[in-house]
Amino acid sequence: MGSGRQAEQPAEGTGGHASGGPGQGTDPGTGIPSETENTHDSGAHFVRVEGHGSTALWDAEGVYGGSGRGPLHADDLPDGVVVADARGRIVLFNAQAAYLTGVPAQAALGCDYRSTLPLTGPDGHDWWQASAPYGGDRNRVRQPERALLLPGEREILVAARYVRARPGGDLVRLVITLRDAATRVDRRSTDLISEVAHELRSPLTSVKGFTSTLLAKWDRLSDTQKLFMLETVNNDADRVTRLINELLDVSRIESGRLEIRRQVVDLPEAARRVVAGRVAAGDAEDRFRLEVHGELPQMWLDSDKLEQILANLVENGVQHGAGTVSIVIEPCEGGTAVSVRDEGQGIAPETIPRVFRQFWRSKRRSGTGLGLFIVKGLVEAHGGTITVGRAPTGGAEFRFTMPAGAPEFV
């Protein structure tokens, strides 16, 4: 396809080669460190080689080039790479970029990056208009990878690097990387199957072992032994049922098939029912505290799913926190906020971004790791938001908000 080729004219404001002293700039064709820049990982120097209209780089120390010291072309890179110059004109479009977008490299070179890559976000809005790489905050140096859509609804993972003439200066080069989102889906499916198999193995092994023992040795077992085995089998069956129900919730959330049946609900009363259920199950009544502040607006929510949210958050506080678990309900702008707090060690700041992921568990956490993911999905299905932080008492605080007002259709 000839897709690793560069446009004949270099990027505006740059020469054919990167300029500046050591540690400055990257190769204008690929965004890979130029001959004047050392890589921080290996200390190797990259030298630019040009020929046959394509850009190649090789490692002067032989670290990346191998014994043959052959050139590294942009087409050798496993991800799609697109480079636009200071005017937004594409100067490099490698083979993988052509494959992922369906746009031939020769047709892309010299064209505006927006017309060649008409990316839209999940909400249907023009991504380039929203991110404005050549405008906006001049201190930006990158865009983290995110899933965007190409024409035809093909999902693709896109990240960007903003190369500036100097910190806070004009953008001289936009380096975009593209990856097929299907690889992420396949990996997530594999992880899901592995985790589910692991979670099912333990209870099913227990059920099989005890039922086999009961069938083979019924007459030789005491009533106490039989009762213990049957109670264990019953508890493990409940555990498997909970896992299946959680997986069904995850499936509905991810596919957008989660149904919300709204009705007027009494948030404080829903919280009291959840606490009463915990007390009936054996928790101490003084372990819980309910606080209601101010006058709450009328809330139209799915009663069952609201109690599922509260039950999961309260259980999380009981199982992984310490001291009193507090439920604080108060009005907020546009609706009502509910905070569930404990008095334990809290959640380490570095792990907070992972708390709502599927199967997330810290080293001291048990369970399937799906509860908080489901909570987030249920809250967002109502049009609300949820955050996690440090409670005033020092433990973890999960705070979610729900919008008030009657829906258009009931």
Protein backbone atom coordinates (compact mmCIF):
# COMPACT_ATOMS: atom_id res chain seq x y z
CA MET A 1 0.00 0.00 0.00
CA GLY A 2 2.99 2.29 0.33
CA SER A 3 1.37 3.49 3.50
CA GLY A 4 4.44 4.38 5.52
CA ARG A 5 5.30 7.17 3.15
CA GLN A 6 5.59 10.82 4.04
CA ALA A 7 4.26 13.77 2.12
CA GLU A 8 7.01 15.39 0.08
CA GLN A 9 6.77 18.70 1.94
CA PRO A 10 7.88 18.68 5.56
CA ALA A 11 5.63 20.00 8.30
CA GLU A 12 5.30 23.75 8.32
CA GLY A 13 7.72 25.35 10.70
CA THR A 14 10.06 22.37 10.65
CA GLY A 15 12.85 21.31 8.39
CA GLY A 16 13.37 17.92 6.88
CA HIS A 17 15.05 16.89 10.13
CA ALA A 18 14.31 17.50 13.77
CA SER A 19 16.21 20.46 15.15
CA GLY A 20 17.33 21.58 18.56
CA GLY A 21 19.60 20.26 21.21
CA PRO A 22 19.51 16.93 23.01
CA GLY A 23 16.16 16.02 24.54
CA GLN A 24 14.25 18.31 22.17
CA GLY A 25 11.74 17.22 19.54
CA THR A 26 10.88 14.01 17.81
CA ASP A 27 11.23 12.85 14.25
CA PRO A 28 8.74 14.86 12.16
CA GLY A 29 7.71 11.81 10.20
CA THR A 30 6.85 9.37 12.95
CA GLY A 31 6.92 11.13 16.28
CA ILE A 32 9.64 8.70 17.36
CA PRO A 33 12.67 10.30 19.11
CA SER A 34 15.02 11.94 16.62
CA GLU A 35 18.77 11.71 16.42
CA THR A 36 19.06 14.54 18.93
CA GLU A 37 16.98 12.77 21.57
CA ASN A 38 17.96 9.92 23.85
CA THR A 39 15.32 7.39 24.87
CA HIS A 40 14.94 7.29 28.61
CA ASP A 41 14.51 3.51 28.73
CA SER A 42 17.70 2.37 27.07
CA GLY A 43 19.86 5.40 26.43
CA ALA A 44 19.90 4.50 22.74
CA HIS A 45 20.22 7.15 20.02
CA PHE A 46 17.89 6.98 17.03
CA VAL A 47 19.18 8.19 13.67
CA ARG A 48 16.90 9.09 10.80
CA VAL A 49 17.32 7.35 7.47
CA GLU A 50 15.37 8.35 4.36
CA GLY A 51 14.96 6.55 1.11
CA HIS A 52 12.35 5.59 -1.45
CA GLY A 53 9.99 8.20 -0.04
CA SER A 54 9.50 6.47 3.31
CA THR A 55 10.73 7.23 6.78
CA ALA A 56 12.94 4.73 8.56
CA LEU A 57 14.76 4.81 11.85
CA TRP A 58 17.42 2.59 13.27
CA ASP A 59 19.16 2.37 16.60
CA ALA A 60 22.75 3.57 16.45
CA GLU A 61 23.68 1.25 19.34
CA GLY A 62 22.11 -1.79 17.69
CA VAL A 63 19.67 -2.27 20.57
CA TYR A 64 16.55 -2.13 18.42
CA GLY A 65 18.06 -2.58 14.99
CA GLY A 66 19.48 -6.03 15.77
CA SER A 67 22.67 -7.46 14.36
CA GLY A 68 21.57 -6.57 10.84
CA ARG A 69 21.04 -2.94 11.83
CA GLY A 70 18.13 -2.80 9.40
CA PRO A 71 15.92 0.30 9.23
CA LEU A 72 12.74 0.56 11.26
CA HIS A 73 9.89 1.83 9.07
CA ALA A 74 6.63 3.32 10.26
CA ASP A 75 4.93 0.37 8.56
CA ASP A 76 6.74 -1.94 11.00
CA LEU A 77 4.82 -0.50 13.95
CA PRO A 78 1.98 -2.71 15.25
CA ASP A 79 -0.41 0.24 15.74
CA GLY A 80 -1.78 2.68 13.24
CA VAL A 81 0.22 5.93 13.24
CA VAL A 82 -0.94 9.20 11.71
CA VAL A 83 1.12 12.39 11.89
CA ALA A 84 -0.22 15.83 10.97
CA ASP A 85 1.93 18.95 10.62
CA ALA A 86 1.44 22.45 12.05
CA ARG A 87 -1.35 23.14 9.53
CA GLY A 88 -3.19 19.90 10.27
CA ARG A 89 -2.08 18.27 7.00
CA ILE A 90 -1.20 14.57 7.17
CA VAL A 91 2.50 13.92 6.56
CA LEU A 92 2.62 10.26 7.61
CA PHE A 93 0.01 7.51 7.36
CA ASN A 94 1.35 4.03 7.99
CA ALA A 95 0.09 0.65 6.76
CA GLN A 96 -1.86 -0.21 9.92
CA ALA A 97 -3.63 3.17 9.83
CA ALA A 98 -4.66 2.48 6.24
CA TYR A 99 -5.90 -0.98 7.22
CA LEU A 100 -7.93 0.24 10.21
CA THR A 101 -9.52 3.21 8.44
CA GLY A 102 -9.88 1.79 4.95
CA VAL A 103 -8.22 4.94 3.55
CA PRO A 104 -5.24 4.37 1.21
CA ALA A 105 -2.09 6.12 2.36
CA GLN A 106 -1.64 8.02 -0.91
CA ALA A 107 -5.16 9.42 -0.57
CA ALA A 108 -4.50 10.52 3.02
CA LEU A 109 -1.15 12.25 2.60
CA GLY A 110 -1.49 16.02 2.35
CA CYS A 111 -5.15 15.99 3.45
CA ASP A 112 -6.63 17.57 6.55
CA TYR A 113 -6.59 15.15 9.48
CA ARG A 114 -10.27 15.81 10.25
CA SER A 115 -11.51 14.83 6.80
CA THR A 116 -9.34 11.71 6.73
CA LEU A 117 -10.25 10.65 10.27
CA PRO A 118 -13.85 11.80 10.85
CA LEU A 119 -14.05 10.49 14.41
CA THR A 120 -17.14 10.80 16.59
CA GLY A 121 -17.67 10.11 20.27
CA PRO A 122 -20.26 7.73 21.75
CA ASP A 123 -22.67 10.68 21.95
CA GLY A 124 -22.40 11.27 18.19
CA HIS A 125 -20.51 14.57 18.44
CA ASP A 126 -17.48 15.40 16.30
CA TRP A 127 -14.49 14.35 18.39
CA TRP A 128 -12.03 16.77 16.81
CA GLN A 129 -14.33 19.69 17.46
CA ALA A 130 -14.63 18.62 21.09
CA SER A 131 -10.90 17.98 21.66
CA ALA A 132 -9.58 20.87 19.49
CA PRO A 133 -5.94 19.70 19.30
CA TYR A 134 -4.74 22.89 17.56
CA GLY A 135 -6.56 25.18 19.95
CA GLY A 136 -7.58 25.28 23.58
CA ASP A 137 -5.18 24.76 26.45
CA ARG A 138 -1.61 25.13 25.21
CA ASN A 139 -0.27 23.09 28.13
CA ARG A 140 -1.86 19.89 26.84
CA VAL A 141 0.65 17.32 25.61
CA ARG A 142 -1.51 14.23 25.08
CA GLN A 143 -4.96 12.72 24.81
CA PRO A 144 -5.41 9.40 26.68
CA GLU A 145 -6.67 6.44 24.70
CA ARG A 146 -10.42 6.24 24.28
CA ALA A 147 -12.95 4.41 22.13
CA LEU A 148 -14.23 6.48 19.20
CA LEU A 149 -16.25 5.70 16.08
CA LEU A 150 -15.30 5.82 12.42
CA PRO A 151 -17.94 6.11 9.67
CA GLY A 152 -19.93 2.91 9.56
CA GLU A 153 -19.97 2.72 13.38
CA ARG A 154 -16.62 0.91 13.54
CA GLU A 155 -15.13 1.33 17.01
CA ILE A 156 -11.46 2.21 17.24
CA LEU A 157 -9.11 3.08 20.11
CA VAL A 158 -7.48 6.48 19.60
CA ALA A 159 -4.72 8.28 21.52
CA ALA A 160 -2.84 11.45 20.59
CA ARG A 161 0.42 13.20 21.40
CA TYR A 162 0.75 16.99 21.02
CA VAL A 163 4.26 18.02 19.95
CA ARG A 164 4.87 21.71 20.62
CA ALA A 165 7.69 24.02 19.60
CA ARG A 166 8.17 24.81 23.29
CA PRO A 167 6.15 24.25 26.48
CA GLY A 168 2.92 26.19 26.09
CA GLY A 169 3.77 26.98 22.47
CA ASP A 170 2.04 26.32 19.17
CA LEU A 171 1.33 22.78 18.08
CA VAL A 172 3.83 21.79 15.41
CA ARG A 173 2.92 18.13 15.08
CA LEU A 174 -0.06 15.98 16.02
CA VAL A 175 0.80 12.29 16.44
CA ILE A 176 -2.21 9.95 16.51
CA THR A 177 -2.17 6.23 17.28
CA LEU A 178 -4.99 3.88 16.29
CA ARG A 179 -5.84 0.40 17.57
CA ASP A 180 -8.63 -1.98 16.75
CA ALA A 181 -11.15 -2.00 19.63
CA ALA A 182 -11.95 -5.64 18.89
CA THR A 183 -8.67 -6.65 20.54
CA ARG A 184 -9.84 -5.03 23.76
CA VAL A 185 -13.22 -6.76 23.57
CA ASP A 186 -11.59 -10.15 22.98
CA ARG A 187 -9.28 -9.63 25.95
CA ARG A 188 -12.15 -8.56 28.20
CA SER A 189 -14.18 -11.61 27.15
CA THR A 190 -11.27 -13.88 27.99
CA ASP A 191 -10.82 -12.20 31.37
CA LEU A 192 -14.55 -12.51 32.07
CA ILE A 193 -14.60 -16.23 31.28
CA SER A 194 -11.53 -16.81 33.45
CA GLU A 195 -12.95 -14.91 36.42
CA VAL A 196 -16.38 -16.57 36.20
CA ALA A 197 -14.81 -20.03 35.99
CA HIS A 198 -12.72 -19.22 39.06
CA GLU A 199 -15.74 -17.96 41.04
CA LEU A 200 -17.87 -21.00 40.12
CA ARG A 201 -15.23 -23.63 40.82
CA SER A 202 -15.19 -23.30 44.62
CA PRO A 203 -18.94 -23.52 45.38
CA LEU A 204 -19.56 -26.21 42.77
CA THR A 205 -16.68 -28.30 44.14
CA SER A 206 -18.22 -27.99 47.60
CA VAL A 207 -21.71 -28.91 46.37
CA LYS A 208 -20.40 -31.91 44.47
CA GLY A 209 -18.27 -33.13 47.39
CA PHE A 210 -20.96 -32.90 50.04
CA THR A 211 -23.79 -34.35 47.90
CA SER A 212 -21.54 -37.30 46.94
CA THR A 213 -20.73 -37.88 50.60
CA LEU A 214 -24.39 -37.70 51.62
CA LEU A 215 -25.44 -40.17 48.90
CA ALA A 216 -22.64 -42.64 49.68
CA LYS A 217 -22.63 -42.50 53.48
CA TRP A 218 -26.12 -41.33 54.49
CA ASP A 219 -26.68 -44.14 57.02
CA ARG A 220 -23.29 -43.62 58.64
CA LEU A 221 -23.58 -39.85 59.15
CA SER A 222 -25.04 -38.23 62.22
CA ASP A 223 -27.91 -35.75 61.98
CA THR A 224 -25.49 -32.96 62.93
CA GLN A 225 -23.14 -33.89 60.07
CA LYS A 226 -26.02 -34.10 57.60
CA LEU A 227 -27.35 -30.73 58.69
CA PHE A 228 -23.91 -29.10 58.32
CA MET A 229 -23.44 -30.50 54.81
CA LEU A 230 -26.94 -29.53 53.65
CA GLU A 231 -26.54 -25.98 55.03
CA THR A 232 -23.20 -25.66 53.21
CA VAL A 233 -24.73 -26.91 49.95
CA ASN A 234 -27.62 -24.44 50.37
CA ASN A 235 -25.25 -21.51 51.02
CA ASP A 236 -23.07 -22.42 48.03
CA ALA A 237 -26.16 -22.69 45.81
CA ASP A 238 -27.15 -19.18 46.95
CA ARG A 239 -23.62 -18.00 46.12
CA VAL A 240 -23.84 -19.39 42.58
CA THR A 241 -27.29 -17.82 42.15
CA ARG A 242 -25.96 -14.42 43.24
CA LEU A 243 -23.09 -14.69 40.77
CA ILE A 244 -25.45 -15.56 37.92
CA ASN A 245 -27.74 -12.64 38.81
CA GLU A 246 -24.74 -10.30 38.93
CA LEU A 247 -23.55 -11.49 35.52
CA LEU A 248 -27.04 -10.90 34.11
CA ASP A 249 -26.95 -7.37 35.53
CA VAL A 250 -23.52 -6.79 33.99
CA SER A 251 -24.79 -8.02 30.61
CA ARG A 252 -27.81 -5.70 30.73
CA ILE A 253 -25.71 -2.73 31.77
CA GLU A 254 -23.10 -3.23 29.03
CA SER A 255 -25.67 -3.86 26.31
CA GLY A 256 -27.89 -0.94 27.33
CA ARG A 257 -30.85 -3.29 27.95
CA LEU A 258 -31.28 -2.34 31.62
CA GLU A 259 -34.91 -1.38 32.22
CA ILE A 260 -35.71 1.35 34.76
CA ARG A 261 -39.28 1.24 36.09
CA ARG A 262 -39.71 4.62 37.74
CA GLN A 263 -42.10 5.41 40.54
CA VAL A 264 -42.15 7.84 43.46
CA VAL A 265 -39.85 6.45 46.16
CA ASP A 266 -39.10 7.41 49.74
CA LEU A 267 -35.30 7.37 49.92
CA PRO A 268 -35.03 7.36 53.75
CA GLU A 269 -37.56 4.51 53.96
CA ALA A 270 -35.61 2.51 51.36
CA ALA A 271 -32.46 2.97 53.45
CA ARG A 272 -34.31 1.82 56.60
CA ARG A 273 -35.42 -1.37 54.83
CA VAL A 274 -31.85 -2.14 53.79
CA VAL A 275 -30.57 -1.63 57.35
CA ALA A 276 -33.43 -3.74 58.78
CA GLY A 277 -32.44 -6.54 56.39
CA ARG A 278 -28.85 -6.43 57.63
CA VAL A 279 -29.98 -6.52 61.27
CA ALA A 280 -32.32 -9.45 60.57
CA ALA A 281 -29.36 -11.26 58.99
CA GLY A 282 -27.39 -10.93 62.23
CA ASP A 283 -25.58 -7.56 62.11
CA ALA A 284 -25.72 -5.41 65.25
CA GLU A 285 -28.29 -2.63 65.04
CA ASP A 286 -25.86 -0.08 66.47
CA ARG A 287 -23.50 -0.76 63.55
CA PHE A 288 -25.66 1.49 61.34
CA ARG A 289 -26.67 5.14 61.40
CA LEU A 290 -29.12 6.93 59.09
CA GLU A 291 -29.02 10.71 58.75
CA VAL A 292 -31.48 12.77 56.69
CA HIS A 293 -30.70 16.47 56.20
CA GLY A 294 -33.04 19.08 54.76
CA GLU A 295 -36.21 18.73 52.72
CA LEU A 296 -35.84 16.19 49.92
CA PRO A 297 -37.42 16.69 46.49
CA GLN A 298 -39.82 14.16 44.99
CA MET A 299 -37.78 11.30 43.51
CA TRP A 300 -38.89 9.06 40.63
CA LEU A 301 -36.65 6.00 40.76
CA ASP A 302 -36.72 2.25 40.29
CA SER A 303 -37.43 1.09 43.86
CA ASP A 304 -35.87 -2.37 43.47
CA LYS A 305 -32.70 -1.07 41.84
CA LEU A 306 -32.38 1.72 44.41
CA GLU A 307 -32.42 -0.86 47.21
CA GLN A 308 -29.91 -2.94 45.25
CA ILE A 309 -27.58 0.10 45.09
CA LEU A 310 -27.96 0.80 48.81
CA ALA A 311 -27.59 -2.86 49.78
CA ASN A 312 -24.37 -3.24 47.79
CA LEU A 313 -22.83 -0.08 49.25
CA VAL A 314 -23.86 -0.94 52.82
CA GLU A 315 -22.51 -4.49 52.43
CA ASN A 316 -19.28 -3.04 51.08
CA GLY A 317 -18.99 -0.85 54.20
CA VAL A 318 -19.73 -3.78 56.53
CA GLN A 319 -17.41 -6.26 54.84
CA HIS A 320 -14.47 -4.03 54.04
CA GLY A 321 -14.81 -1.10 56.43
CA ALA A 322 -14.94 -0.83 60.20
CA GLY A 323 -16.92 0.92 62.90
CA THR A 324 -20.27 2.53 62.13
CA VAL A 325 -21.66 2.46 58.61
CA SER A 326 -23.50 5.75 58.02
CA ILE A 327 -26.07 6.53 55.34
CA VAL A 328 -26.41 10.29 54.83
CA ILE A 329 -29.25 11.55 52.61
CA GLU A 330 -29.48 15.23 51.69
CA PRO A 331 -30.78 17.45 48.88
CA CYS A 332 -28.33 18.60 46.23
CA GLU A 333 -28.57 20.72 43.12
CA GLY A 334 -31.10 19.08 40.83
CA GLY A 335 -31.86 16.11 43.07
CA THR A 336 -30.74 14.12 46.09
CA ALA A 337 -27.32 12.91 47.22
CA VAL A 338 -26.74 9.74 49.25
CA SER A 339 -23.42 9.06 50.99
CA VAL A 340 -22.49 5.67 52.49
CA ARG A 341 -19.52 5.99 54.85
CA ASP A 342 -17.53 3.66 57.05
CA GLU A 343 -14.78 4.16 59.60
CA GLY A 344 -12.18 1.75 58.20
CA GLN A 345 -8.85 2.35 56.47
CA GLY A 346 -10.47 3.77 53.34
CA ILE A 347 -9.36 3.20 49.77
CA ALA A 348 -5.83 4.06 48.68
CA PRO A 349 -5.85 7.06 46.29
CA GLU A 350 -3.93 5.17 43.61
CA THR A 351 -6.63 2.46 43.45
CA ILE A 352 -9.65 4.79 43.29
CA PRO A 353 -9.72 4.87 39.44
CA ARG A 354 -10.08 1.06 39.43
CA VAL A 355 -12.79 0.70 42.10
CA PHE A 356 -15.74 0.55 39.67
CA ARG A 357 -14.12 -1.85 37.20
CA GLN A 358 -15.37 -5.39 36.70
CA PHE A 359 -13.82 -7.95 39.08
CA TRP A 360 -11.81 -5.30 40.91
CA ARG A 361 -10.68 -6.47 44.34
CA SER A 362 -7.91 -5.16 46.54
CA LYS A 363 -5.58 -7.62 48.25
CA ARG A 364 -7.80 -7.79 51.31
CA ARG A 365 -11.14 -7.87 49.48
CA SER A 366 -13.29 -10.91 48.80
CA GLY A 367 -16.42 -11.49 46.73
CA THR A 368 -16.90 -11.48 42.98
CA GLY A 369 -15.72 -7.91 42.42
CA LEU A 370 -18.86 -7.10 40.42
CA GLY A 371 -20.91 -5.28 43.06
CA LEU A 372 -19.45 -1.79 42.63
CA PHE A 373 -19.43 -2.10 38.83
CA ILE A 374 -23.16 -2.91 38.98
CA VAL A 375 -23.81 -0.06 41.42
CA LYS A 376 -22.20 2.42 39.02
CA GLY A 377 -24.23 1.05 36.10
CA LEU A 378 -27.51 1.27 38.04
CA VAL A 379 -26.82 4.82 39.22
CA GLU A 380 -25.91 6.00 35.72
CA ALA A 381 -28.97 4.28 34.25
CA HIS A 382 -31.03 6.63 36.43
CA GLY A 383 -29.09 9.61 35.09
CA GLY A 384 -27.05 9.95 38.27
CA THR A 385 -23.36 9.93 39.14
CA ILE A 386 -21.27 8.14 41.76
CA THR A 387 -17.87 8.94 43.26
CA VAL A 388 -15.63 7.45 45.91
CA GLY A 389 -13.35 9.31 48.29
CA ARG A 390 -12.38 9.66 51.92
CA ALA A 391 -15.12 10.01 54.52
CA PRO A 392 -14.96 12.71 57.23
CA THR A 393 -14.52 9.85 59.71
CA GLY A 394 -11.47 8.59 57.83
CA GLY A 395 -12.92 5.57 56.03
CA ALA A 396 -14.33 5.23 52.53
CA GLU A 397 -17.24 7.32 51.29
CA PHE A 398 -19.35 6.33 48.30
CA ARG A 399 -21.55 9.25 47.26
CA PHE A 400 -24.15 9.01 44.52
CA THR A 401 -26.62 11.58 43.25
CA MET A 402 -29.99 11.03 41.62
CA PRO A 403 -31.87 13.64 39.57
CA ALA A 404 -35.31 14.75 40.79
CA GLY A 405 -38.46 15.31 38.76
CA ALA A 406 -41.03 13.13 37.06
CA PRO A 407 -39.98 11.36 33.83
CA GLU A 408 -41.70 12.11 30.53
CA PHE A 409 -43.17 8.61 30.44
CA VAL A 410 -44.07 6.54 33.49
